[in-house]
C-alpha atoms as a PDB file:
ATOM      1  CA  MET A   1     -84.213 183.762 230.591  1.00  0.00           C
ATOM      2  CA  GLU A   2     -84.401 183.936 226.798  1.00  0.00           C
ATOM      3  CA  LYS A   3     -82.841 180.911 225.151  1.00  0.00           C
ATOM      4  CA  GLU A   4     -79.946 181.258 222.784  1.00  0.00           C
ATOM      5  CA  ARG A   5     -80.039 179.147 219.635  1.00  0.00           C
ATOM      6  CA  ILE A   6     -77.580 177.187 217.534  1.00  0.00           C
ATOM      7  CA  SER A   7     -78.321 176.641 213.838  1.00  0.00           C
ATOM      8  CA  ILE A   8     -77.041 173.348 212.431  1.00  0.00           C
ATOM      9  CA  ILE A   9     -76.716 173.698 208.647  1.00  0.00           C
ATOM     10  CA  ILE A  10     -76.680 170.464 206.622  1.00  0.00           C
ATOM     11  CA  PRO A  11     -76.317 170.802 202.828  1.00  0.00           C
ATOM     12  CA  MET A  12     -76.916 167.668 200.780  1.00  0.00           C
ATOM     13  CA  HIS A  13     -76.930 166.351 197.247  1.00  0.00           C
ATOM     14  CA  ASN A  14     -77.909 162.724 196.570  1.00  0.00           C
ATOM     15  CA  SER A  15     -77.095 161.683 200.138  1.00  0.00           C
ATOM     16  CA  GLU A  16     -79.768 159.010 200.495  1.00  0.00           C
ATOM     17  CA  ALA A  17     -77.382 156.471 202.030  1.00  0.00           C
ATOM     18  CA  PHE A  18     -76.190 158.755 204.821  1.00  0.00           C
ATOM     19  CA  ILE A  19     -78.623 161.564 205.547  1.00  0.00           C
ATOM     20  CA  ALA A  20     -80.801 159.778 208.127  1.00  0.00           C
ATOM     21  CA  GLY A  21     -77.786 158.912 210.271  1.00  0.00           C
ATOM     22  CA  CYS A  22     -76.476 162.448 209.873  1.00  0.00           C
ATOM     23  CA  ILE A  23     -79.769 163.989 211.037  1.00  0.00           C
ATOM     24  CA  ASP A  24     -80.023 161.507 213.915  1.00  0.00           C
ATOM     25  CA  SER A  25     -76.577 162.572 215.118  1.00  0.00           C
ATOM     26  CA  ALA A  26     -77.581 166.250 214.951  1.00  0.00           C
ATOM     27  CA  LEU A  27     -80.762 165.553 216.921  1.00  0.00           C
ATOM     28  CA  ALA A  28     -78.780 163.677 219.573  1.00  0.00           C
ATOM     29  CA  ALA A  29     -76.314 166.570 219.846  1.00  0.00           C
ATOM     30  CA  GLU A  30     -79.176 169.060 220.121  1.00  0.00           C
ATOM     31  CA  ALA A  31     -80.806 167.020 222.898  1.00  0.00           C
ATOM     32  CA  TYR A  32     -77.476 166.843 224.759  1.00  0.00           C
ATOM     33  CA  LEU A  33     -77.071 170.608 224.339  1.00  0.00           C
ATOM     34  CA  CYS A  34     -80.519 171.303 225.777  1.00  0.00           C
ATOM     35  CA  ALA A  35     -79.980 169.004 228.765  1.00  0.00           C
ATOM     36  CA  GLU A  36     -76.505 170.277 229.674  1.00  0.00           C
ATOM     37  CA  SER A  37     -77.365 173.941 229.171  1.00  0.00           C
ATOM     38  CA  GLU A  38     -80.435 173.580 231.417  1.00  0.00           C
ATOM     39  CA  LYS A  39     -78.254 172.072 234.125  1.00  0.00           C
ATOM     40  CA  ALA A  40     -75.845 174.983 233.784  1.00  0.00           C
ATOM     41  CA  GLY A  41     -78.664 177.537 233.997  1.00  0.00           C
ATOM     42  CA  VAL A  42     -77.995 178.952 230.517  1.00  0.00           C
ATOM     43  CA  PRO A  43     -80.675 177.296 228.358  1.00  0.00           C
ATOM     44  CA  VAL A  44     -79.731 176.835 224.714  1.00  0.00           C
ATOM     45  CA  GLU A  45     -81.713 175.163 221.932  1.00  0.00           C
ATOM     46  CA  GLY A  46     -80.921 174.107 218.409  1.00  0.00           C
ATOM     47  CA  GLU A  47     -82.489 174.191 214.973  1.00  0.00           C
ATOM     48  CA  ILE A  48     -81.564 171.992 212.025  1.00  0.00           C
ATOM     49  CA  ILE A  49     -81.676 173.468 208.521  1.00  0.00           C
ATOM     50  CA  LEU A  50     -81.594 170.943 205.679  1.00  0.00           C
ATOM     51  CA  ALA A  51     -80.622 172.321 202.282  1.00  0.00           C
ATOM     52  CA  ASP A  52     -81.418 169.821 199.527  1.00  0.00           C
ATOM     53  CA  ASP A  53     -79.306 170.952 196.587  1.00  0.00           C
ATOM     54  CA  GLY A  54     -81.104 169.297 193.674  1.00  0.00           C
ATOM     55  CA  SER A  55     -81.072 165.675 194.841  1.00  0.00           C
ATOM     56  CA  ASP A  56     -82.693 163.213 192.464  1.00  0.00           C
ATOM     57  CA  ASP A  57     -82.496 160.191 194.777  1.00  0.00           C
ATOM     58  CA  GLY A  58     -84.465 159.614 197.993  1.00  0.00           C
ATOM     59  CA  SER A  59     -82.709 162.298 200.051  1.00  0.00           C
ATOM     60  CA  TYR A  60     -85.547 164.814 199.970  1.00  0.00           C
ATOM     61  CA  ARG A  61     -88.166 162.209 200.853  1.00  0.00           C
ATOM     62  CA  ILE A  62     -86.161 161.108 203.906  1.00  0.00           C
ATOM     63  CA  CYS A  63     -85.646 164.712 205.010  1.00  0.00           C
ATOM     64  CA  ARG A  64     -89.311 165.543 204.459  1.00  0.00           C
ATOM     65  CA  THR A  65     -90.264 162.779 206.910  1.00  0.00           C
ATOM     66  CA  TYR A  66     -87.974 164.269 209.568  1.00  0.00           C
ATOM     67  CA  ALA A  67     -89.150 167.846 208.954  1.00  0.00           C
ATOM     68  CA  ASP A  68     -92.823 166.849 209.129  1.00  0.00           C
ATOM     69  CA  THR A  69     -92.396 165.228 212.539  1.00  0.00           C
ATOM     70  CA  ASP A  70     -89.984 167.566 214.332  1.00  0.00           C
ATOM     71  CA  PRO A  71     -90.484 171.365 214.549  1.00  0.00           C
ATOM     72  CA  LYS A  72     -86.743 171.856 215.134  1.00  0.00           C
ATOM     73  CA  ILE A  73     -86.070 170.784 211.550  1.00  0.00           C
ATOM     74  CA  ARG A  74     -86.588 172.989 208.495  1.00  0.00           C
ATOM     75  CA  LEU A  75     -86.133 171.836 204.920  1.00  0.00           C
ATOM     76  CA  PHE A  76     -85.857 173.627 201.601  1.00  0.00           C
ATOM     77  CA  ARG A  77     -84.887 172.668 198.054  1.00  0.00           C
ATOM     78  CA  MET A  78     -82.543 174.193 195.490  1.00  0.00           C
ATOM     79  CA  GLN A  79     -81.649 173.451 191.872  1.00  0.00           C
ATOM     80  CA  ASP A  80     -78.188 171.847 192.154  1.00  0.00           C
ATOM     81  CA  LEU A  81     -76.271 175.102 192.597  1.00  0.00           C
ATOM     82  CA  GLY A  82     -73.407 173.680 194.634  1.00  0.00           C
ATOM     83  CA  VAL A  83     -72.531 173.352 198.305  1.00  0.00           C
ATOM     84  CA  SER A  84     -71.532 177.011 198.698  1.00  0.00           C
ATOM     85  CA  ALA A  85     -74.861 178.240 197.346  1.00  0.00           C
ATOM     86  CA  ALA A  86     -76.686 175.748 199.588  1.00  0.00           C
ATOM     87  CA  ARG A  87     -74.836 176.925 202.684  1.00  0.00           C
ATOM     88  CA  ASN A  88     -75.415 180.574 201.791  1.00  0.00           C
ATOM     89  CA  ALA A  89     -79.141 179.965 201.329  1.00  0.00           C
ATOM     90  CA  ALA A  90     -79.268 178.159 204.670  1.00  0.00           C
ATOM     91  CA  LEU A  91     -77.394 181.013 206.368  1.00  0.00           C
ATOM     92  CA  ARG A  92     -80.059 183.420 205.144  1.00  0.00           C
ATOM     93  CA  ARG A  93     -82.711 181.234 206.763  1.00  0.00           C
ATOM     94  CA  ALA A  94     -80.835 180.549 209.999  1.00  0.00           C
ATOM     95  CA  THR A  95     -82.194 182.199 213.153  1.00  0.00           C
ATOM     96  CA  GLY A  96     -79.454 181.067 215.539  1.00  0.00           C
ATOM     97  CA  ASP A  97     -77.050 183.168 217.561  1.00  0.00           C
ATOM     98  CA  TYR A  98     -74.456 180.542 216.604  1.00  0.00           C
ATOM     99  CA  VAL A  99     -73.950 178.452 213.461  1.00  0.00           C
ATOM    100  CA  THR A 100     -72.312 175.108 212.787  1.00  0.00           C
ATOM    101  CA  PHE A 101     -71.958 173.130 209.549  1.00  0.00           C
ATOM    102  CA  LEU A 102     -72.419 169.382 209.214  1.00  0.00           C
ATOM    103  CA  ASP A 103     -71.832 167.536 205.938  1.00  0.00           C
ATOM    104  CA  ALA A 104     -74.537 165.071 204.950  1.00  0.00           C
ATOM    105  CA  ASP A 105     -72.272 162.005 205.040  1.00  0.00           C
ATOM    106  CA  ASP A 106     -70.668 162.915 208.382  1.00  0.00           C
ATOM    107  CA  ARG A 107     -71.734 162.693 212.036  1.00  0.00           C
ATOM    108  CA  MET A 108     -71.402 164.800 215.167  1.00  0.00           C
ATOM    109  CA  ALA A 109     -70.997 163.251 218.605  1.00  0.00           C
ATOM    110  CA  PRO A 110     -73.588 164.210 221.240  1.00  0.00           C
ATOM    111  CA  PRO A 111     -71.236 166.548 223.193  1.00  0.00           C
ATOM    112  CA  LEU A 112     -70.117 168.606 220.171  1.00  0.00           C
ATOM    113  CA  LEU A 113     -72.594 171.495 220.345  1.00  0.00           C
ATOM    114  CA  TRP A 114     -72.475 171.891 224.118  1.00  0.00           C
ATOM    115  CA  GLU A 115     -68.698 171.667 224.422  1.00  0.00           C
ATOM    116  CA  LEU A 116     -68.027 174.126 221.585  1.00  0.00           C
ATOM    117  CA  TYR A 117     -70.689 176.492 222.907  1.00  0.00           C
ATOM    118  CA  ARG A 118     -69.102 176.327 226.352  1.00  0.00           C
ATOM    119  CA  LEU A 119     -65.644 177.036 224.915  1.00  0.00           C
ATOM    120  CA  LEU A 120     -66.967 180.022 222.961  1.00  0.00           C
ATOM    121  CA  LYS A 121     -68.639 181.537 226.014  1.00  0.00           C
ATOM    122  CA  GLU A 122     -65.761 180.929 228.408  1.00  0.00           C
ATOM    123  CA  ASN A 123     -63.153 182.375 226.063  1.00  0.00           C
ATOM    124  CA  GLU A 124     -65.210 185.075 224.299  1.00  0.00           C
ATOM    125  CA  ALA A 125     -63.975 183.750 220.965  1.00  0.00           C
ATOM    126  CA  SER A 126     -65.472 184.169 217.496  1.00  0.00           C
ATOM    127  CA  VAL A 127     -65.077 180.521 216.549  1.00  0.00           C
ATOM    128  CA  ALA A 128     -64.639 177.280 218.491  1.00  0.00           C
ATOM    129  CA  GLY A 129     -63.289 174.132 216.877  1.00  0.00           C
ATOM    130  CA  CYS A 130     -62.711 170.511 217.799  1.00  0.00           C
ATOM    131  CA  GLY A 131     -60.804 167.555 216.447  1.00  0.00           C
ATOM    132  CA  PHE A 132     -62.264 164.839 214.264  1.00  0.00           C
ATOM    133  CA  ALA A 133     -62.026 161.139 213.625  1.00  0.00           C
ATOM    134  CA  ALA A 134     -61.996 159.864 210.058  1.00  0.00           C
ATOM    135  CA  GLY A 135     -63.015 156.523 208.637  1.00  0.00           C
ATOM    136  CA  THR A 136     -65.223 154.559 206.282  1.00  0.00           C
ATOM    137  CA  ASP A 137     -67.249 152.573 208.821  1.00  0.00           C
ATOM    138  CA  GLN A 138     -70.568 154.385 209.131  1.00  0.00           C
ATOM    139  CA  GLU A 139     -72.109 151.639 211.244  1.00  0.00           C
ATOM    140  CA  ASN A 140     -69.558 151.799 214.052  1.00  0.00           C
ATOM    141  CA  TRP A 141     -68.751 155.504 213.900  1.00  0.00           C
ATOM    142  CA  MET A 142     -69.576 156.052 217.576  1.00  0.00           C
ATOM    143  CA  GLN A 143     -66.522 154.001 218.518  1.00  0.00           C
ATOM    144  CA  ALA A 144     -64.485 157.034 217.510  1.00  0.00           C
ATOM    145  CA  PHE A 145     -65.965 158.949 220.430  1.00  0.00           C
ATOM    146  CA  SER A 146     -66.024 156.236 223.104  1.00  0.00           C
ATOM    147  CA  GLY A 147     -64.312 157.469 226.229  1.00  0.00           C
ATOM    148  CA  THR A 148     -63.854 160.973 224.860  1.00  0.00           C
ATOM    149  CA  ASP A 149     -63.565 163.409 227.741  1.00  0.00           C
ATOM    150  CA  ALA A 150     -63.108 167.094 226.963  1.00  0.00           C
ATOM    151  CA  ALA A 151     -61.074 167.543 230.137  1.00  0.00           C
ATOM    152  CA  ALA A 152     -58.485 165.080 228.826  1.00  0.00           C
ATOM    153  CA  TYR A 153     -57.715 167.317 225.856  1.00  0.00           C
ATOM    154  CA  GLY A 154     -55.929 170.623 225.916  1.00  0.00           C
ATOM    155  CA  THR A 155     -57.579 173.886 224.936  1.00  0.00           C
ATOM    156  CA  GLU A 156     -55.808 176.524 222.876  1.00  0.00           C
ATOM    157  CA  VAL A 157     -56.929 180.149 222.465  1.00  0.00           C
ATOM    158  CA  LEU A 158     -55.619 182.016 219.420  1.00  0.00           C
ATOM    159  CA  ASP A 159     -55.977 185.484 218.020  1.00  0.00           C
ATOM    160  CA  ALA A 160     -56.676 185.761 214.306  1.00  0.00           C
ATOM    161  CA  ASP A 161     -53.058 186.115 213.172  1.00  0.00           C
ATOM    162  CA  SER A 162     -51.950 183.156 215.287  1.00  0.00           C
ATOM    163  CA  TYR A 163     -54.743 181.030 213.873  1.00  0.00           C
ATOM    164  CA  ILE A 164     -53.810 181.938 210.295  1.00  0.00           C
ATOM    165  CA  ARG A 165     -50.190 180.979 211.018  1.00  0.00           C
ATOM    166  CA  THR A 166     -50.787 177.762 212.972  1.00  0.00           C
ATOM    167  CA  GLY A 167     -54.190 176.650 211.707  1.00  0.00           C
ATOM    168  CA  LEU A 168     -55.174 177.848 208.269  1.00  0.00           C
ATOM    169  CA  LEU A 169     -51.668 177.464 206.826  1.00  0.00           C
ATOM    170  CA  HIS A 170     -51.356 174.018 208.409  1.00  0.00           C
ATOM    171  CA  ALA A 171     -54.402 172.387 206.786  1.00  0.00           C
ATOM    172  CA  ASP A 172     -57.111 173.443 209.283  1.00  0.00           C
ATOM    173  CA  THR A 173     -59.254 174.880 206.522  1.00  0.00           C
ATOM    174  CA  ARG A 174     -62.552 173.166 207.355  1.00  0.00           C
ATOM    175  CA  VAL A 175     -65.767 174.837 208.495  1.00  0.00           C
ATOM    176  CA  TRP A 176     -67.242 171.581 209.772  1.00  0.00           C
ATOM    177  CA  SER A 177     -66.256 170.673 213.342  1.00  0.00           C
ATOM    178  CA  LYS A 178     -66.522 174.363 214.236  1.00  0.00           C
ATOM    179  CA  LEU A 179     -69.086 176.610 215.911  1.00  0.00           C
ATOM    180  CA  PHE A 180     -69.312 180.243 214.760  1.00  0.00           C
ATOM    181  CA  ARG A 181     -70.855 183.210 216.483  1.00  0.00           C
ATOM    182  CA  ARG A 182     -73.360 184.572 214.004  1.00  0.00           C
ATOM    183  CA  SER A 183     -72.130 188.081 214.791  1.00  0.00           C
ATOM    184  CA  ALA A 184     -68.602 186.999 213.770  1.00  0.00           C
ATOM    185  CA  ILE A 185     -69.858 185.713 210.417  1.00  0.00           C
ATOM    186  CA  GLY A 186     -71.533 189.036 209.718  1.00  0.00           C
ATOM    187  CA  LYS A 187     -72.187 189.449 206.012  1.00  0.00           C
ATOM    188  CA  ASN A 188     -69.517 186.955 204.962  1.00  0.00           C
ATOM    189  CA  THR A 189     -70.660 184.169 202.641  1.00  0.00           C
ATOM    190  CA  PHE A 190     -69.169 181.167 200.893  1.00  0.00           C
ATOM    191  CA  LYS A 191     -67.657 181.995 197.520  1.00  0.00           C
ATOM    192  CA  GLU A 192     -69.888 180.396 194.911  1.00  0.00           C
ATOM    193  CA  GLY A 193     -68.353 178.973 191.766  1.00  0.00           C
ATOM    194  CA  LEU A 194     -65.418 177.373 193.592  1.00  0.00           C
ATOM    195  CA  THR A 195     -65.385 173.598 194.052  1.00  0.00           C
ATOM    196  CA  ILE A 196     -62.226 173.536 196.189  1.00  0.00           C
ATOM    197  CA  GLY A 197     -61.160 176.045 198.847  1.00  0.00           C
ATOM    198  CA  GLU A 198     -64.517 177.635 199.647  1.00  0.00           C
ATOM    199  CA  ASP A 199     -64.281 176.529 203.306  1.00  0.00           C
ATOM    200  CA  MET A 200     -60.816 178.036 203.676  1.00  0.00           C
ATOM    201  CA  LEU A 201     -61.850 181.389 202.215  1.00  0.00           C
ATOM    202  CA  PHE A 202     -64.935 181.587 204.439  1.00  0.00           C
ATOM    203  CA  LEU A 203     -62.818 180.885 207.531  1.00  0.00           C
ATOM    204  CA  LEU A 204     -60.256 183.452 206.444  1.00  0.00           C
ATOM    205  CA  ASP A 205     -62.933 186.122 205.937  1.00  0.00           C
ATOM    206  CA  VAL A 206     -64.297 185.468 209.440  1.00  0.00           C
ATOM    207  CA  MET A 207     -60.842 185.585 211.024  1.00  0.00           C
ATOM    208  CA  LEU A 208     -59.957 188.840 209.250  1.00  0.00           C
ATOM    209  CA  GLN A 209     -62.834 190.578 211.024  1.00  0.00           C
ATOM    210  CA  GLU A 210     -61.940 193.100 213.719  1.00  0.00           C
ATOM    211  CA  GLY A 211     -61.130 191.385 217.025  1.00  0.00           C
ATOM    212  CA  ALA A 212     -61.645 187.834 215.745  1.00  0.00           C
ATOM    213  CA  GLY A 213     -60.218 184.876 217.627  1.00  0.00           C
ATOM    214  CA  LEU A 214     -60.537 181.109 217.836  1.00  0.00           C
ATOM    215  CA  VAL A 215     -60.505 178.538 220.634  1.00  0.00           C
ATOM    216  CA  ARG A 216     -59.913 174.882 219.848  1.00  0.00           C
ATOM    217  CA  THR A 217     -59.708 171.469 221.449  1.00  0.00           C
ATOM    218  CA  ASP A 218     -58.387 168.254 219.947  1.00  0.00           C
ATOM    219  CA  ALA A 219     -61.318 166.252 221.364  1.00  0.00           C
ATOM    220  CA  PRO A 220     -62.653 164.292 218.330  1.00  0.00           C
ATOM    221  CA  TYR A 221     -66.341 165.200 218.469  1.00  0.00           C
ATOM    222  CA  TYR A 222     -66.802 165.076 214.686  1.00  0.00           C
ATOM    223  CA  PHE A 223     -66.741 162.014 212.427  1.00  0.00           C
ATOM    224  CA  TYR A 224     -65.575 162.622 208.873  1.00  0.00           C
ATOM    225  CA  TRP A 225     -66.482 159.941 206.371  1.00  0.00           C
ATOM    226  CA  GLN A 226     -63.650 159.241 203.957  1.00  0.00           C
ATOM    227  CA  ASN A 227     -65.414 158.840 200.652  1.00  0.00           C
ATOM    228  CA  PRO A 228     -63.241 156.725 198.311  1.00  0.00           C
ATOM    229  CA  LYS A 229     -65.059 158.428 195.418  1.00  0.00           C
ATOM    230  CA  GLY A 230     -64.704 161.925 196.844  1.00  0.00           C
ATOM    231  CA  ALA A 231     -63.738 164.984 194.826  1.00  0.00           C
ATOM    232  CA  MET A 232     -60.004 164.693 195.488  1.00  0.00           C
ATOM    233  CA  ALA A 233     -59.984 161.064 194.281  1.00  0.00           C
ATOM    234  CA  ARG A 234     -61.625 161.811 190.932  1.00  0.00           C
ATOM    235  CA  PRO A 235     -59.872 162.260 187.560  1.00  0.00           C
ATOM    236  CA  TYR A 236     -58.803 165.745 186.536  1.00  0.00           C
ATOM    237  CA  THR A 237     -61.403 168.304 185.501  1.00  0.00           C
ATOM    238  CA  PRO A 238     -60.836 172.055 184.943  1.00  0.00           C
ATOM    239  CA  SER A 239     -62.371 172.743 188.365  1.00  0.00           C
ATOM    240  CA  TYR A 240     -59.173 171.355 189.907  1.00  0.00           C
ATOM    241  CA  MET A 241     -57.611 174.714 189.085  1.00  0.00           C
ATOM    242  CA  ASP A 242     -59.650 176.055 192.007  1.00  0.00           C
ATOM    243  CA  GLN A 243     -56.954 174.412 194.163  1.00  0.00           C
ATOM    244  CA  ILE A 244     -54.611 177.131 192.891  1.00  0.00           C
ATOM    245  CA  ARG A 245     -57.143 179.969 192.520  1.00  0.00           C
ATOM    246  CA  CYS A 246     -58.445 179.807 196.083  1.00  0.00           C
ATOM    247  CA  TRP A 247     -54.981 180.379 197.561  1.00  0.00           C
ATOM    248  CA  GLU A 248     -54.297 183.214 195.131  1.00  0.00           C
ATOM    249  CA  ILE A 249     -57.461 184.843 196.485  1.00  0.00           C
ATOM    250  CA  ALA A 250     -56.382 184.108 200.057  1.00  0.00           C
ATOM    251  CA  ARG A 251     -52.976 185.713 199.536  1.00  0.00           C
ATOM    252  CA  LYS A 252     -54.611 188.909 198.230  1.00  0.00           C
ATOM    253  CA  LYS A 253     -56.980 189.023 201.206  1.00  0.00           C
ATOM    254  CA  ILE A 254     -54.133 188.600 203.693  1.00  0.00           C
ATOM    255  CA  ALA A 255     -51.992 191.164 201.891  1.00  0.00           C
ATOM    256  CA  SER A 256     -54.841 193.674 202.068  1.00  0.00           C
ATOM    257  CA  ALA A 257     -55.998 193.081 205.641  1.00  0.00           C
ATOM    258  CA  ARG A 258     -52.817 191.805 207.350  1.00  0.00           C
ATOM    259  CA  PRO A 259     -49.800 192.980 205.313  1.00  0.00           C
ATOM    260  CA  ALA A 260     -47.481 192.457 208.296  1.00  0.00           C
ATOM    261  CA  LEU A 261     -48.163 188.714 208.129  1.00  0.00           C
ATOM    262  CA  LEU A 262     -46.674 188.483 204.652  1.00  0.00           C
ATOM    263  CA  LYS A 263     -43.510 190.137 205.906  1.00  0.00           C
ATOM    264  CA  GLU A 264     -42.905 187.179 208.207  1.00  0.00           C
ATOM    265  CA  PRO A 265     -40.553 184.768 206.376  1.00  0.00           C
ATOM    266  CA  GLU A 266     -42.231 181.597 207.667  1.00  0.00           C
ATOM    267  CA  THR A 267     -45.755 182.790 206.856  1.00  0.00           C
ATOM    268  CA  GLU A 268     -44.736 183.888 203.376  1.00  0.00           C
ATOM    269  CA  GLY A 269     -42.895 180.601 202.930  1.00  0.00           C
ATOM    270  CA  LEU A 270     -45.915 178.550 203.971  1.00  0.00           C
ATOM    271  CA  LEU A 271     -48.171 180.383 201.524  1.00  0.00           C
ATOM    272  CA  SER A 272     -45.697 179.752 198.718  1.00  0.00           C
ATOM    273  CA  LEU A 273     -45.338 176.125 199.780  1.00  0.00           C
ATOM    274  CA  ILE A 274     -49.120 175.716 199.588  1.00  0.00           C
ATOM    275  CA  ASP A 275     -48.981 177.164 196.069  1.00  0.00           C
ATOM    276  CA  VAL A 276     -46.371 174.572 195.105  1.00  0.00           C
ATOM    277  CA  VAL A 277     -48.236 171.653 196.677  1.00  0.00           C
ATOM    278  CA  SER A 278     -51.489 172.755 195.027  1.00  0.00           C
ATOM    279  CA  ALA A 279     -49.769 173.031 191.647  1.00  0.00           C
ATOM    280  CA  LEU A 280     -48.170 169.600 192.059  1.00  0.00           C
ATOM    281  CA  LEU A 281     -51.588 168.107 192.803  1.00  0.00           C
ATOM    282  CA  VAL A 282     -53.049 169.691 189.672  1.00  0.00           C
ATOM    283  CA  SER A 283     -50.143 168.669 187.445  1.00  0.00           C
ATOM    284  CA  SER A 284     -50.139 165.073 188.692  1.00  0.00           C
ATOM    285  CA  LYS A 285     -53.880 164.792 188.004  1.00  0.00           C
ATOM    286  CA  ILE A 286     -53.372 166.090 184.461  1.00  0.00           C
ATOM    287  CA  ALA A 287     -50.446 163.721 183.909  1.00  0.00           C
ATOM    288  CA  ARG A 288     -52.687 160.746 184.649  1.00  0.00           C
ATOM    289  CA  LEU A 289     -55.131 161.661 181.875  1.00  0.00           C
ATOM    290  CA  PRO A 290     -55.234 159.720 178.597  1.00  0.00           C
ATOM    291  CA  ASP A 291     -53.141 161.319 175.837  1.00  0.00           C
ATOM    292  CA  LYS A 292     -55.978 163.189 174.088  1.00  0.00           C
ATOM    293  CA  GLU A 293     -57.421 164.636 177.280  1.00  0.00           C
ATOM    294  CA  ARG A 294     -53.967 165.488 178.599  1.00  0.00           C
ATOM    295  CA  LYS A 295     -53.211 167.548 175.508  1.00  0.00           C
ATOM    296  CA  GLY A 296     -56.468 169.418 176.037  1.00  0.00           C
ATOM    297  CA  ALA A 297     -55.330 170.342 179.545  1.00  0.00           C
ATOM    298  CA  GLU A 298     -51.859 171.497 178.472  1.00  0.00           C
ATOM    299  CA  GLU A 299     -52.565 175.143 179.329  1.00  0.00           C
ATOM    300  CA  ASP A 300     -53.565 174.209 182.873  1.00  0.00           C
ATOM    301  CA  PHE A 301     -50.467 171.997 183.148  1.00  0.00           C
ATOM    302  CA  GLN A 302     -48.215 174.907 182.193  1.00  0.00           C
ATOM    303  CA  THR A 303     -50.019 177.227 184.607  1.00  0.00           C
ATOM    304  CA  ALA A 304     -49.338 174.752 187.396  1.00  0.00           C
ATOM    305  CA  ARG A 305     -45.720 174.372 186.299  1.00  0.00           C
ATOM    306  CA  LYS A 306     -45.281 178.150 186.351  1.00  0.00           C
ATOM    307  CA  LYS A 307     -46.621 178.246 189.913  1.00  0.00           C
ATOM    308  CA  VAL A 308     -44.084 175.589 190.911  1.00  0.00           C
ATOM    309  CA  LYS A 309     -41.242 177.576 189.324  1.00  0.00           C
ATOM    310  CA  GLU A 310     -42.294 180.670 191.277  1.00  0.00           C
ATOM    311  CA  GLY A 311     -42.395 178.701 194.506  1.00  0.00           C
ATOM    312  CA  LEU A 312     -38.912 177.306 193.964  1.00  0.00           C
ATOM    313  CA  LEU A 313     -37.585 180.842 193.515  1.00  0.00           C
ATOM    314  CA  ASP A 314     -38.933 181.798 196.955  1.00  0.00           C
ATOM    315  CA  ARG A 315     -36.215 181.107 199.514  1.00  0.00           C
ATOM    316  CA  ASN A 316     -38.806 181.218 202.292  1.00  0.00           C
ATOM    317  CA  ALA A 317     -40.744 178.431 200.590  1.00  0.00           C
ATOM    318  CA  ARG A 318     -37.604 176.377 200.079  1.00  0.00           C
ATOM    319  CA  ALA A 319     -36.830 176.730 203.795  1.00  0.00           C
ATOM    320  CA  VAL A 320     -40.079 174.999 204.808  1.00  0.00           C
ATOM    321  CA  MET A 321     -40.445 172.625 201.831  1.00  0.00           C
ATOM    322  CA  PRO A 322     -40.223 168.908 202.709  1.00  0.00           C
ATOM    323  CA  PRO A 323     -37.604 167.041 200.617  1.00  0.00           C
ATOM    324  CA  GLU A 324     -40.176 164.914 198.766  1.00  0.00           C
ATOM    325  CA  TYR A 325     -41.979 168.007 197.497  1.00  0.00           C
ATOM    326  CA  ARG A 326     -38.686 169.654 196.567  1.00  0.00           C
ATOM    327  CA  ILE A 327     -37.758 166.642 194.422  1.00  0.00           C
ATOM    328  CA  LYS A 328     -41.154 166.566 192.672  1.00  0.00           C
ATOM    329  CA  ALA A 329     -41.102 170.333 192.126  1.00  0.00           C
ATOM    330  CA  GLU A 330     -37.599 170.293 190.641  1.00  0.00           C
ATOM    331  CA  LEU A 331     -38.542 167.435 188.337  1.00  0.00           C
ATOM    332  CA  LEU A 332     -41.648 169.244 187.096  1.00  0.00           C
ATOM    333  CA  LYS A 333     -39.669 172.445 186.633  1.00  0.00           C
ATOM    334  CA  ARG A 334     -36.746 170.912 184.716  1.00  0.00           C
ATOM    335  CA  PHE A 335     -38.147 167.809 183.034  1.00  0.00           C
ATOM    336  CA  PRO A 336     -41.925 168.180 182.638  1.00  0.00           C
ATOM    337  CA  ARG A 337     -42.322 165.303 180.174  1.00  0.00           C
ATOM    338  CA  ILE A 338     -40.424 162.884 182.396  1.00  0.00           C
ATOM    339  CA  TYR A 339     -42.630 164.087 185.264  1.00  0.00           C
ATOM    340  CA  GLU A 340     -45.709 163.300 183.165  1.00  0.00           C
ATOM    341  CA  SER A 341     -44.428 159.893 182.134  1.00  0.00           C
ATOM    342  CA  LEU A 342     -43.863 158.867 185.748  1.00  0.00           C
ATOM    343  CA  TYR A 343     -47.517 159.438 186.534  1.00  0.00           C
ATOM    344  CA  GLN A 344     -48.567 157.769 183.301  1.00  0.00           C
ATOM    345  CA  GLY A 345     -46.479 154.752 184.111  1.00  0.00           C
ATOM    346  CA  ARG A 346     -44.437 155.222 180.933  1.00  0.00           C
ATOM    347  CA  THR A 347     -40.729 155.627 180.395  1.00  0.00           C
ATOM    348  CA  LYS A 348     -40.853 157.738 177.262  1.00  0.00           C
END
C-alpha cells in the first residue's frame, strides 16, 4: 500500500530560542503518526519543511543540523519576506497529501497529526482542527497535554457556511492546530503584504471552495506560546490597519461567493461587530502614541472612527455588541478627544 504523506510547514524568523523544541515536537508527532497508522493498516508518513525567512541569529544553523541528520526534514532560506511568503514558498515545495502549519515558537503534542488525520478520513472533511493550550512556560509545555484523551472530547462536523458562522466569525481564524487536505487548498495561497489577518483569509478561501467542510475537536493537541512582545502587544504602526483591511476583504469574498450568508441578520451583525472591534483596537493603539506620532496617524484614527460610526448604524451589529464595546464605540464616535485622553492617561 502506497503511503500517504503529511507536510508539516514551519516558517521562522530569528527563532533561535524556540526552534529546536518546535522541531522536536514535530518529529515526535510524526513518529506517533507512523506508529499508529501502521497499527491501523493505513501507513502514513510525514515530512517537515523549514522555511527560514531571513534569520540573522542562530536559527538557520540549528535547522541545518536537523536537516543534515534526518531525511524527513527539508530546509530552505528566504530574504525576510514575511510569514505569508514563507508559507507560500513552503507550500510550493510540499509533497504531502495533507498540510499542517506549526509556528516556530509553538509545539504540537504527539497525537496531533494522527488524530486530525483520522478525523479527516472518517468524516471526509476538507479541514480538521483541534483545540490548543496557551502559556509562557516552554519548559513544562507537555503538562498541557497530560491526560488528554480524544475520546473525552466531542467532535463537531460543519459544512462551510456553518463554520463561517460559528468558527471564523467567533475568533477561530488560525491555520495552526489544523490539518488541510492538499486538494482542498488547491491554488489558494496566503495573502502577502498583510501582517494581520492572513490566516483568516486563507481559511476563508479554503472554506469557500465547492463542497468544503470542517471537523473539529476541542482536544488541546497544540501549544501556543503567548509572546509578551508579540505583534498585538507592540506600539502602533501603519500595518495595524491590516486589522481593518483583512475583514473588508473577507466581507467582499463572502458577498461574492455566499451572498445568502450576508442576508442573515446575525452573520451580518457579527461581521459589522468585528469591524467595530478591529477599529477600536486600531484607535486605542493610536491614542497611546506620543503627541507627535499620534498627529502623524490622524488619518488612520479617523478611518477607524468612521468604521465605528458605520458599525453603530448597523442594527444587526448593535444586537450582538457587548455593552463594553458599545460604550467604547459611542465614546469614540461622539467624543474622540476624550477617548484619546483616556488611553493617554490625560484628562484634557
